[in-house]
Amino acid sequence: MTMDRFQQAYDQYRKQTNEIEVNEASGINHHPDQEKIVAVRKNNDGDLIAFQTESGRELDYLEALTEAKAGKLAHVDVFHKYGRDILRSEPDGIRENNLDALPEF
């Protein structure tokens, strides 16, 4: 019996999950081509205006949005609200890794 496309898609999904588990077990919790945001800059109103990556790069908001959309930043999502794109941490229930809770640079 040949494998149908639904089973193939599921098998591909499971393979990705297994790769993530291996990376997490080895201490790598994001894709190696992605950078993690480790610090933020806020304006006087407390709005996030810039981001620093683990390699030390400093990105303004628009640069960070572009990189997040391209999949270059780990653990962030881009969603559309209020008529514009907004960058936010992946919802994982851990407040300490939310963008707003990161240290400032």
PDB file of N, CA and C in Angstrom:
ATOM      1  N   MET A   1       0.846  -1.182   0.000  1.00  0.00           N
ATOM      2  CA  MET A   1       0.000   0.000   0.000  1.00  0.00           C
ATOM      3  C   MET A   1       0.895   1.251   0.000  1.00  0.00           C
ATOM      4  N   THR A   2       0.581   2.189  -0.861  1.00  0.00           N
ATOM      5  CA  THR A   2       1.374   3.407  -0.931  1.00  0.00           C
ATOM      6  C   THR A   2       0.914   4.392   0.135  1.00  0.00           C
ATOM      7  N   MET A   3       1.851   5.206   0.577  1.00  0.00           N
ATOM      8  CA  MET A   3       1.541   6.191   1.605  1.00  0.00           C
ATOM      9  C   MET A   3       0.833   7.387   0.963  1.00  0.00           C
ATOM     10  N   ASP A   4      -0.284   7.796   1.539  1.00  0.00           N
ATOM     11  CA  ASP A   4      -0.984   8.947   0.973  1.00  0.00           C
ATOM     12  C   ASP A   4      -0.340  10.251   1.442  1.00  0.00           C
ATOM     13  N   ARG A   5      -0.724  11.338   0.814  1.00  0.00           N
ATOM     14  CA  ARG A   5      -0.099  12.633   1.102  1.00  0.00           C
ATOM     15  C   ARG A   5      -0.343  13.097   2.531  1.00  0.00           C
ATOM     16  N   PHE A   6      -1.452  12.666   3.142  1.00  0.00           N
ATOM     17  CA  PHE A   6      -1.725  13.065   4.517  1.00  0.00           C
ATOM     18  C   PHE A   6      -0.737  12.403   5.477  1.00  0.00           C
ATOM     19  N   GLN A   7      -0.465  11.124   5.252  1.00  0.00           N
ATOM     20  CA  GLN A   7       0.510  10.425   6.085  1.00  0.00           C
ATOM     21  C   GLN A   7       1.902  10.991   5.866  1.00  0.00           C
ATOM     22  N   GLN A   8       2.234  11.327   4.610  1.00  0.00           N
ATOM     23  CA  GLN A   8       3.542  11.913   4.317  1.00  0.00           C
ATOM     24  C   GLN A   8       3.714  13.251   5.040  1.00  0.00           C
ATOM     25  N   ALA A   9       2.673  14.064   5.006  1.00  0.00           N
ATOM     26  CA  ALA A   9       2.729  15.364   5.690  1.00  0.00           C
ATOM     27  C   ALA A   9       2.893  15.173   7.193  1.00  0.00           C
ATOM     28  N   TYR A  10       2.160  14.204   7.749  1.00  0.00           N
ATOM     29  CA  TYR A  10       2.260  13.946   9.182  1.00  0.00           C
ATOM     30  C   TYR A  10       3.656  13.440   9.540  1.00  0.00           C
ATOM     31  N   ASP A  11       4.203  12.555   8.727  1.00  0.00           N
ATOM     32  CA  ASP A  11       5.541  12.047   8.980  1.00  0.00           C
ATOM     33  C   ASP A  11       6.575  13.166   8.935  1.00  0.00           C
ATOM     34  N   GLN A  12       6.407  14.100   8.003  1.00  0.00           N
ATOM     35  CA  GLN A  12       7.312  15.250   7.920  1.00  0.00           C
ATOM     36  C   GLN A  12       7.188  16.110   9.176  1.00  0.00           C
ATOM     37  N   TYR A  13       5.973  16.326   9.633  1.00  0.00           N
ATOM     38  CA  TYR A  13       5.731  17.079  10.864  1.00  0.00           C
ATOM     39  C   TYR A  13       6.422  16.395  12.045  1.00  0.00           C
ATOM     40  N   ARG A  14       6.269  15.076  12.178  1.00  0.00           N
ATOM     41  CA  ARG A  14       6.878  14.328  13.280  1.00  0.00           C
ATOM     42  C   ARG A  14       8.404  14.411  13.218  1.00  0.00           C
ATOM     43  N   LYS A  15       8.975  14.398  12.030  1.00  0.00           N
ATOM     44  CA  LYS A  15      10.420  14.501  11.869  1.00  0.00           C
ATOM     45  C   LYS A  15      10.908  15.851  12.391  1.00  0.00           C
ATOM     46  N   GLN A  16      10.168  16.914  12.084  1.00  0.00           N
ATOM     47  CA  GLN A  16      10.532  18.238  12.580  1.00  0.00           C
ATOM     48  C   GLN A  16      10.479  18.255  14.100  1.00  0.00           C
ATOM     49  N   THR A  17       9.454  17.653  14.684  1.00  0.00           N
ATOM     50  CA  THR A  17       9.313  17.598  16.132  1.00  0.00           C
ATOM     51  C   THR A  17      10.494  16.861  16.740  1.00  0.00           C
ATOM     52  N   ASN A  18      10.898  15.746  16.135  1.00  0.00           N
ATOM     53  CA  ASN A  18      12.031  14.982  16.647  1.00  0.00           C
ATOM     54  C   ASN A  18      13.321  15.788  16.567  1.00  0.00           C
ATOM     55  N   GLU A  19      13.513  16.564  15.493  1.00  0.00           N
ATOM     56  CA  GLU A  19      14.708  17.398  15.363  1.00  0.00           C
ATOM     57  C   GLU A  19      14.736  18.464  16.447  1.00  0.00           C
ATOM     58  N   ILE A  20      13.585  19.030  16.763  1.00  0.00           N
ATOM     59  CA  ILE A  20      13.504  20.041  17.821  1.00  0.00           C
ATOM     60  C   ILE A  20      13.856  19.412  19.164  1.00  0.00           C
ATOM     61  N   GLU A  21      13.327  18.210  19.438  1.00  0.00           N
ATOM     62  CA  GLU A  21      13.628  17.536  20.695  1.00  0.00           C
ATOM     63  C   GLU A  21      15.118  17.265  20.829  1.00  0.00           C
ATOM     64  N   VAL A  22      15.774  16.842  19.753  1.00  0.00           N
ATOM     65  CA  VAL A  22      17.214  16.587  19.781  1.00  0.00           C
ATOM     66  C   VAL A  22      17.954  17.891  20.062  1.00  0.00           C
ATOM     67  N   ASN A  23      17.563  18.977  19.398  1.00  0.00           N
ATOM     68  CA  ASN A  23      18.204  20.271  19.629  1.00  0.00           C
ATOM     69  C   ASN A  23      18.012  20.734  21.062  1.00  0.00           C
ATOM     70  N   GLU A  24      16.806  20.571  21.612  1.00  0.00           N
ATOM     71  CA  GLU A  24      16.552  20.985  22.987  1.00  0.00           C
ATOM     72  C   GLU A  24      17.384  20.154  23.955  1.00  0.00           C
ATOM     73  N   ALA A  25      17.522  18.872  23.687  1.00  0.00           N
ATOM     74  CA  ALA A  25      18.311  18.004  24.554  1.00  0.00           C
ATOM     75  C   ALA A  25      19.782  18.408  24.543  1.00  0.00           C
ATOM     76  N   SER A  26      20.240  18.965  23.426  1.00  0.00           N
ATOM     77  CA  SER A  26      21.643  19.370  23.335  1.00  0.00           C
ATOM     78  C   SER A  26      21.845  20.820  23.767  1.00  0.00           C
ATOM     79  N   GLY A  27      20.792  21.462  24.254  1.00  0.00           N
ATOM     80  CA  GLY A  27      20.913  22.834  24.727  1.00  0.00           C
ATOM     81  C   GLY A  27      20.614  23.880  23.669  1.00  0.00           C
ATOM     82  N   ILE A  28      20.303  23.470  22.445  1.00  0.00           N
ATOM     83  CA  ILE A  28      19.955  24.408  21.379  1.00  0.00           C
ATOM     84  C   ILE A  28      18.435  24.428  21.298  1.00  0.00           C
ATOM     85  N   ASN A  29      17.820  25.550  21.620  1.00  0.00           N
ATOM     86  CA  ASN A  29      16.357  25.567  21.634  1.00  0.00           C
ATOM     87  C   ASN A  29      15.757  26.397  20.514  1.00  0.00           C
ATOM     88  N   HIS A  30      16.543  26.600  19.455  1.00  0.00           N
ATOM     89  CA  HIS A  30      15.996  27.228  18.259  1.00  0.00           C
ATOM     90  C   HIS A  30      16.813  26.782  17.058  1.00  0.00           C
ATOM     91  N   HIS A  31      16.271  27.014  15.895  1.00  0.00           N
ATOM     92  CA  HIS A  31      16.943  26.612  14.659  1.00  0.00           C
ATOM     93  C   HIS A  31      18.289  27.318  14.576  1.00  0.00           C
ATOM     94  N   PRO A  32      19.340  26.637  14.134  1.00  0.00           N
ATOM     95  CA  PRO A  32      20.669  27.261  14.102  1.00  0.00           C
ATOM     96  C   PRO A  32      20.772  28.490  13.207  1.00  0.00           C
ATOM     97  N   ASP A  33      19.857  28.643  12.249  1.00  0.00           N
ATOM     98  CA  ASP A  33      19.881  29.824  11.382  1.00  0.00           C
ATOM     99  C   ASP A  33      19.157  31.011  12.001  1.00  0.00           C
ATOM    100  N   GLN A  34      18.577  30.823  13.168  1.00  0.00           N
ATOM    101  CA  GLN A  34      17.840  31.890  13.827  1.00  0.00           C
ATOM    102  C   GLN A  34      18.651  32.473  14.978  1.00  0.00           C
ATOM    103  N   GLU A  35      18.444  33.762  15.203  1.00  0.00           N
ATOM    104  CA  GLU A  35      19.056  34.424  16.346  1.00  0.00           C
ATOM    105  C   GLU A  35      17.988  34.690  17.389  1.00  0.00           C
ATOM    106  N   LYS A  36      18.397  34.641  18.610  1.00  0.00           N
ATOM    107  CA  LYS A  36      17.494  34.898  19.731  1.00  0.00           C
ATOM    108  C   LYS A  36      17.639  36.359  20.164  1.00  0.00           C
ATOM    109  N   ILE A  37      16.525  36.994  20.460  1.00  0.00           N
ATOM    110  CA  ILE A  37      16.544  38.353  21.000  1.00  0.00           C
ATOM    111  C   ILE A  37      16.847  38.243  22.491  1.00  0.00           C
ATOM    112  N   VAL A  38      17.849  38.989  22.954  1.00  0.00           N
ATOM    113  CA  VAL A  38      18.273  38.883  24.349  1.00  0.00           C
ATOM    114  C   VAL A  38      18.075  40.172  25.146  1.00  0.00           C
ATOM    115  N   ALA A  39      17.838  41.295  24.458  1.00  0.00           N
ATOM    116  CA  ALA A  39      17.631  42.570  25.145  1.00  0.00           C
ATOM    117  C   ALA A  39      16.789  43.473  24.257  1.00  0.00           C
ATOM    118  N   VAL A  40      16.176  44.472  24.878  1.00  0.00           N
ATOM    119  CA  VAL A  40      15.294  45.391  24.155  1.00  0.00           C
ATOM    120  C   VAL A  40      15.601  46.831  24.548  1.00  0.00           C
ATOM    121  N   ARG A  41      15.149  47.743  23.733  1.00  0.00           N
ATOM    122  CA  ARG A  41      15.189  49.162  24.074  1.00  0.00           C
ATOM    123  C   ARG A  41      13.762  49.670  24.026  1.00  0.00           C
ATOM    124  N   LYS A  42      13.404  50.497  25.011  1.00  0.00           N
ATOM    125  CA  LYS A  42      12.054  51.051  25.101  1.00  0.00           C
ATOM    126  C   LYS A  42      12.130  52.571  25.026  1.00  0.00           C
ATOM    127  N   ASN A  43      11.030  53.165  24.532  1.00  0.00           N
ATOM    128  CA  ASN A  43      10.962  54.632  24.543  1.00  0.00           C
ATOM    129  C   ASN A  43      10.391  55.083  25.889  1.00  0.00           C
ATOM    130  N   ASN A  44      10.182  56.382  26.048  1.00  0.00           N
ATOM    131  CA  ASN A  44       9.687  56.929  27.318  1.00  0.00           C
ATOM    132  C   ASN A  44       8.293  56.429  27.680  1.00  0.00           C
ATOM    133  N   ASP A  45       7.522  55.977  26.691  1.00  0.00           N
ATOM    134  CA  ASP A  45       6.188  55.446  26.956  1.00  0.00           C
ATOM    135  C   ASP A  45       6.213  53.948  27.280  1.00  0.00           C
ATOM    136  N   GLY A  46       7.403  53.332  27.247  1.00  0.00           N
ATOM    137  CA  GLY A  46       7.522  51.908  27.522  1.00  0.00           C
ATOM    138  C   GLY A  46       7.312  51.020  26.312  1.00  0.00           C
ATOM    139  N   ASP A  47       7.209  51.643  25.122  1.00  0.00           N
ATOM    140  CA  ASP A  47       7.048  50.862  23.893  1.00  0.00           C
ATOM    141  C   ASP A  47       8.396  50.291  23.468  1.00  0.00           C
ATOM    142  N   LEU A  48       8.392  49.053  22.974  1.00  0.00           N
ATOM    143  CA  LEU A  48       9.608  48.447  22.446  1.00  0.00           C
ATOM    144  C   LEU A  48       9.967  49.130  21.135  1.00  0.00           C
ATOM    145  N   ILE A  49      11.204  49.614  21.028  1.00  0.00           N
ATOM    146  CA  ILE A  49      11.607  50.320  19.804  1.00  0.00           C
ATOM    147  C   ILE A  49      12.827  49.705  19.135  1.00  0.00           C
ATOM    148  N   ALA A  50      13.557  48.822  19.837  1.00  0.00           N
ATOM    149  CA  ALA A  50      14.737  48.189  19.258  1.00  0.00           C
ATOM    150  C   ALA A  50      15.016  46.884  19.990  1.00  0.00           C
ATOM    151  N   PHE A  51      15.815  46.022  19.332  1.00  0.00           N
ATOM    152  CA  PHE A  51      16.079  44.691  19.857  1.00  0.00           C
ATOM    153  C   PHE A  51      17.545  44.351  19.652  1.00  0.00           C
ATOM    154  N   GLN A  52      18.133  43.668  20.615  1.00  0.00           N
ATOM    155  CA  GLN A  52      19.506  43.199  20.493  1.00  0.00           C
ATOM    156  C   GLN A  52      19.489  41.672  20.433  1.00  0.00           C
ATOM    157  N   THR A  53      20.226  41.123  19.469  1.00  0.00           N
ATOM    158  CA  THR A  53      20.273  39.672  19.321  1.00  0.00           C
ATOM    159  C   THR A  53      21.451  39.105  20.112  1.00  0.00           C
ATOM    160  N   GLU A  54      21.460  37.786  20.237  1.00  0.00           N
ATOM    161  CA  GLU A  54      22.519  37.116  20.990  1.00  0.00           C
ATOM    162  C   GLU A  54      23.904  37.345  20.385  1.00  0.00           C
ATOM    163  N   SER A  55      23.973  37.711  19.103  1.00  0.00           N
ATOM    164  CA  SER A  55      25.278  37.991  18.490  1.00  0.00           C
ATOM    165  C   SER A  55      25.689  39.447  18.687  1.00  0.00           C
ATOM    166  N   GLY A  56      24.811  40.252  19.314  1.00  0.00           N
ATOM    167  CA  GLY A  56      25.124  41.651  19.568  1.00  0.00           C
ATOM    168  C   GLY A  56      24.566  42.612  18.543  1.00  0.00           C
ATOM    169  N   ARG A  57      23.899  42.082  17.509  1.00  0.00           N
ATOM    170  CA  ARG A  57      23.307  42.990  16.514  1.00  0.00           C
ATOM    171  C   ARG A  57      22.161  43.759  17.147  1.00  0.00           C
ATOM    172  N   GLU A  58      22.029  45.022  16.763  1.00  0.00           N
ATOM    173  CA  GLU A  58      20.936  45.873  17.227  1.00  0.00           C
ATOM    174  C   GLU A  58      20.020  46.164  16.054  1.00  0.00           C
ATOM    175  N   LEU A  59      18.752  45.824  16.223  1.00  0.00           N
ATOM    176  CA  LEU A  59      17.765  45.974  15.161  1.00  0.00           C
ATOM    177  C   LEU A  59      16.710  46.985  15.578  1.00  0.00           C
ATOM    178  N   ASP A  60      16.364  47.910  14.668  1.00  0.00           N
ATOM    179  CA  ASP A  60      15.225  48.772  14.961  1.00  0.00           C
ATOM    180  C   ASP A  60      13.955  47.941  14.763  1.00  0.00           C
ATOM    181  N   TYR A  61      12.810  48.513  15.081  1.00  0.00           N
ATOM    182  CA  TYR A  61      11.562  47.748  15.046  1.00  0.00           C
ATOM    183  C   TYR A  61      11.268  47.194  13.658  1.00  0.00           C
ATOM    184  N   LEU A  62      11.450  48.021  12.623  1.00  0.00           N
ATOM    185  CA  LEU A  62      11.162  47.573  11.261  1.00  0.00           C
ATOM    186  C   LEU A  62      12.121  46.471  10.805  1.00  0.00           C
ATOM    187  N   GLU A  63      13.391  46.582  11.175  1.00  0.00           N
ATOM    188  CA  GLU A  63      14.344  45.525  10.835  1.00  0.00           C
ATOM    189  C   GLU A  63      13.968  44.214  11.527  1.00  0.00           C
ATOM    190  N   ALA A  64      13.573  44.310  12.794  1.00  0.00           N
ATOM    191  CA  ALA A  64      13.181  43.110  13.540  1.00  0.00           C
ATOM    192  C   ALA A  64      11.941  42.471  12.930  1.00  0.00           C
ATOM    193  N   LEU A  65      10.966  43.286  12.524  1.00  0.00           N
ATOM    194  CA  LEU A  65       9.772  42.752  11.864  1.00  0.00           C
ATOM    195  C   LEU A  65      10.141  42.013  10.590  1.00  0.00           C
ATOM    196  N   THR A  66      10.994  42.606   9.782  1.00  0.00           N
ATOM    197  CA  THR A  66      11.409  41.996   8.518  1.00  0.00           C
ATOM    198  C   THR A  66      12.119  40.672   8.775  1.00  0.00           C
ATOM    199  N   GLU A  67      13.018  40.642   9.745  1.00  0.00           N
ATOM    200  CA  GLU A  67      13.749  39.412  10.043  1.00  0.00           C
ATOM    201  C   GLU A  67      12.840  38.347  10.645  1.00  0.00           C
ATOM    202  N   ALA A  68      11.893  38.762  11.479  1.00  0.00           N
ATOM    203  CA  ALA A  68      10.955  37.796  12.067  1.00  0.00           C
ATOM    204  C   ALA A  68      10.081  37.180  10.981  1.00  0.00           C
ATOM    205  N   LYS A  69       9.606  38.001  10.055  1.00  0.00           N
ATOM    206  CA  LYS A  69       8.779  37.487   8.950  1.00  0.00           C
ATOM    207  C   LYS A  69       9.561  36.511   8.090  1.00  0.00           C
ATOM    208  N   ALA A  70      10.862  36.726   7.969  1.00  0.00           N
ATOM    209  CA  ALA A  70      11.717  35.857   7.160  1.00  0.00           C
ATOM    210  C   ALA A  70      12.176  34.621   7.935  1.00  0.00           C
ATOM    211  N   GLY A  71      11.759  34.512   9.199  1.00  0.00           N
ATOM    212  CA  GLY A  71      12.127  33.352  10.001  1.00  0.00           C
ATOM    213  C   GLY A  71      13.538  33.401  10.552  1.00  0.00           C
ATOM    214  N   LYS A  72      14.110  34.587  10.635  1.00  0.00           N
ATOM    215  CA  LYS A  72      15.494  34.717  11.097  1.00  0.00           C
ATOM    216  C   LYS A  72      15.617  34.949  12.599  1.00  0.00           C
ATOM    217  N   LEU A  73      14.500  35.188  13.277  1.00  0.00           N
ATOM    218  CA  LEU A  73      14.526  35.411  14.718  1.00  0.00           C
ATOM    219  C   LEU A  73      13.772  34.287  15.418  1.00  0.00           C
ATOM    220  N   ALA A  74      14.367  33.769  16.476  1.00  0.00           N
ATOM    221  CA  ALA A  74      13.778  32.660  17.227  1.00  0.00           C
ATOM    222  C   ALA A  74      12.783  33.167  18.261  1.00  0.00           C
ATOM    223  N   HIS A  75      11.748  32.389  18.482  1.00  0.00           N
ATOM    224  CA  HIS A  75      10.789  32.584  19.573  1.00  0.00           C
ATOM    225  C   HIS A  75       9.996  33.884  19.497  1.00  0.00           C
ATOM    226  N   VAL A  76       9.785  34.393  18.292  1.00  0.00           N
ATOM    227  CA  VAL A  76       8.935  35.572  18.128  1.00  0.00           C
ATOM    228  C   VAL A  76       7.912  35.304  17.029  1.00  0.00           C
ATOM    229  N   ASP A  77       6.797  35.984  17.131  1.00  0.00           N
ATOM    230  CA  ASP A  77       5.738  35.905  16.131  1.00  0.00           C
ATOM    231  C   ASP A  77       5.442  37.311  15.628  1.00  0.00           C
ATOM    232  N   VAL A  78       4.949  37.390  14.413  1.00  0.00           N
ATOM    233  CA  VAL A  78       4.447  38.644  13.863  1.00  0.00           C
ATOM    234  C   VAL A  78       2.961  38.443  13.628  1.00  0.00           C
ATOM    235  N   PHE A  79       2.161  39.346  14.160  1.00  0.00           N
ATOM    236  CA  PHE A  79       0.735  39.272  13.895  1.00  0.00           C
ATOM    237  C   PHE A  79       0.230  40.655  13.519  1.00  0.00           C
ATOM    238  N   HIS A  80      -0.914  40.679  12.867  1.00  0.00           N
ATOM    239  CA  HIS A  80      -1.476  41.931  12.361  1.00  0.00           C
ATOM    240  C   HIS A  80      -2.601  42.379  13.286  1.00  0.00           C
ATOM    241  N   LYS A  81      -2.452  43.582  13.838  1.00  0.00           N
ATOM    242  CA  LYS A  81      -3.460  44.132  14.738  1.00  0.00           C
ATOM    243  C   LYS A  81      -3.374  45.651  14.647  1.00  0.00           C
ATOM    244  N   TYR A  82      -4.468  46.296  14.835  1.00  0.00           N
ATOM    245  CA  TYR A  82      -4.521  47.764  14.765  1.00  0.00           C
ATOM    246  C   TYR A  82      -4.067  48.293  13.412  1.00  0.00           C
ATOM    247  N   GLY A  83      -4.226  47.489  12.376  1.00  0.00           N
ATOM    248  CA  GLY A  83      -3.858  47.912  11.030  1.00  0.00           C
ATOM    249  C   GLY A  83      -2.381  47.868  10.723  1.00  0.00           C
ATOM    250  N   ARG A  84      -1.601  47.201  11.581  1.00  0.00           N
ATOM    251  CA  ARG A  84      -0.153  47.112  11.333  1.00  0.00           C
ATOM    252  C   ARG A  84       0.385  45.792  11.884  1.00  0.00           C
ATOM    253  N   ASP A  85       1.598  45.436  11.460  1.00  0.00           N
ATOM    254  CA  ASP A  85       2.255  44.244  11.979  1.00  0.00           C
ATOM    255  C   ASP A  85       2.868  44.545  13.337  1.00  0.00           C
ATOM    256  N   ILE A  86       2.785  43.575  14.230  1.00  0.00           N
ATOM    257  CA  ILE A  86       3.293  43.722  15.587  1.00  0.00           C
ATOM    258  C   ILE A  86       4.162  42.515  15.906  1.00  0.00           C
ATOM    259  N   LEU A  87       5.283  42.770  16.544  1.00  0.00           N
ATOM    260  CA  LEU A  87       6.206  41.727  16.958  1.00  0.00           C
ATOM    261  C   LEU A  87       5.892  41.349  18.401  1.00  0.00           C
ATOM    262  N   ARG A  88       5.858  40.037  18.675  1.00  0.00           N
ATOM    263  CA  ARG A  88       5.635  39.599  20.057  1.00  0.00           C
ATOM    264  C   ARG A  88       6.342  38.272  20.292  1.00  0.00           C
ATOM    265  N   SER A  89       6.541  37.955  21.550  1.00  0.00           N
ATOM    266  CA  SER A  89       7.121  36.668  21.927  1.00  0.00           C
ATOM    267  C   SER A  89       6.146  35.564  21.587  1.00  0.00           C
ATOM    268  N   GLU A  90       6.680  34.385  21.278  1.00  0.00           N
ATOM    269  CA  GLU A  90       5.803  33.234  21.104  1.00  0.00           C
ATOM    270  C   GLU A  90       5.112  32.970  22.432  1.00  0.00           C
ATOM    271  N   PRO A  91       3.812  32.763  22.419  1.00  0.00           N
ATOM    272  CA  PRO A  91       3.116  32.503  23.683  1.00  0.00           C
ATOM    273  C   PRO A  91       3.469  31.113  24.214  1.00  0.00           C
ATOM    274  N   ASP A  92       4.228  31.087  25.303  1.00  0.00           N
ATOM    275  CA  ASP A  92       4.628  29.804  25.882  1.00  0.00           C
ATOM    276  C   ASP A  92       4.342  29.738  27.380  1.00  0.00           C
ATOM    277  N   GLY A  93       3.722  30.781  27.929  1.00  0.00           N
ATOM    278  CA  GLY A  93       3.374  30.781  29.341  1.00  0.00           C
ATOM    279  C   GLY A  93       4.509  31.145  30.276  1.00  0.00           C
ATOM    280  N   ILE A  94       5.673  31.488  29.721  1.00  0.00           N
ATOM    281  CA  ILE A  94       6.824  31.855  30.553  1.00  0.00           C
ATOM    282  C   ILE A  94       7.035  33.361  30.447  1.00  0.00           C
ATOM    283  N   ARG A  95       6.683  34.085  31.500  1.00  0.00           N
ATOM    284  CA  ARG A  95       6.751  35.536  31.466  1.00  0.00           C
ATOM    285  C   ARG A  95       8.180  36.061  31.311  1.00  0.00           C
ATOM    286  N   GLU A  96       9.140  35.362  31.898  1.00  0.00           N
ATOM    287  CA  GLU A  96      10.528  35.836  31.903  1.00  0.00           C
ATOM    288  C   GLU A  96      11.127  35.972  30.513  1.00  0.00           C
ATOM    289  N   ASN A  97      10.623  35.215  29.523  1.00  0.00           N
ATOM    290  CA  ASN A  97      11.200  35.332  28.187  1.00  0.00           C
ATOM    291  C   ASN A  97      10.353  36.192  27.254  1.00  0.00           C
ATOM    292  N   ASN A  98       9.337  36.854  27.782  1.00  0.00           N
ATOM    293  CA  ASN A  98       8.561  37.782  26.966  1.00  0.00           C
ATOM    294  C   ASN A  98       9.444  38.975  26.597  1.00  0.00           C
ATOM    295  N   LEU A  99       9.248  39.500  25.409  1.00  0.00           N
ATOM    296  CA  LEU A  99      10.067  40.624  24.958  1.00  0.00           C
ATOM    297  C   LEU A  99      10.046  41.767  25.967  1.00  0.00           C
ATOM    298  N   ASP A 100       8.893  42.054  26.507  1.00  0.00           N
ATOM    299  CA  ASP A 100       8.754  43.175  27.444  1.00  0.00           C
ATOM    300  C   ASP A 100       9.521  42.944  28.749  1.00  0.00           C
ATOM    301  N   ALA A 101       9.809  41.696  29.082  1.00  0.00           N
ATOM    302  CA  ALA A 101      10.502  41.374  30.327  1.00  0.00           C
ATOM    303  C   ALA A 101      12.015  41.226  30.159  1.00  0.00           C
ATOM    304  N   LEU A 102      12.514  41.307  28.923  1.00  0.00           N
ATOM    305  CA  LEU A 102      13.945  41.167  28.694  1.00  0.00           C
ATOM    306  C   LEU A 102      14.700  42.392  29.212  1.00  0.00           C
ATOM    307  N   PRO A 103      15.971  42.237  29.523  1.00  0.00           N
ATOM    308  CA  PRO A 103      16.762  43.403  29.982  1.00  0.00           C
ATOM    309  C   PRO A 103      16.877  44.442  28.872  1.00  0.00           C
ATOM    310  N   GLU A 104      17.120  45.669  29.298  1.00  0.00           N
ATOM    311  CA  GLU A 104      17.275  46.757  28.325  1.00  0.00           C
ATOM    312  C   GLU A 104      18.748  46.965  27.990  1.00  0.00           C
ATOM    313  N   PHE A 105      18.984  47.416  26.756  1.00  0.00           N
ATOM    314  CA  PHE A 105      20.349  47.748  26.340  1.00  0.00           C
ATOM    315  C   PHE A 105      20.454  49.208  25.997  1.00  0.00           C
TER     316      PHE A 105
END
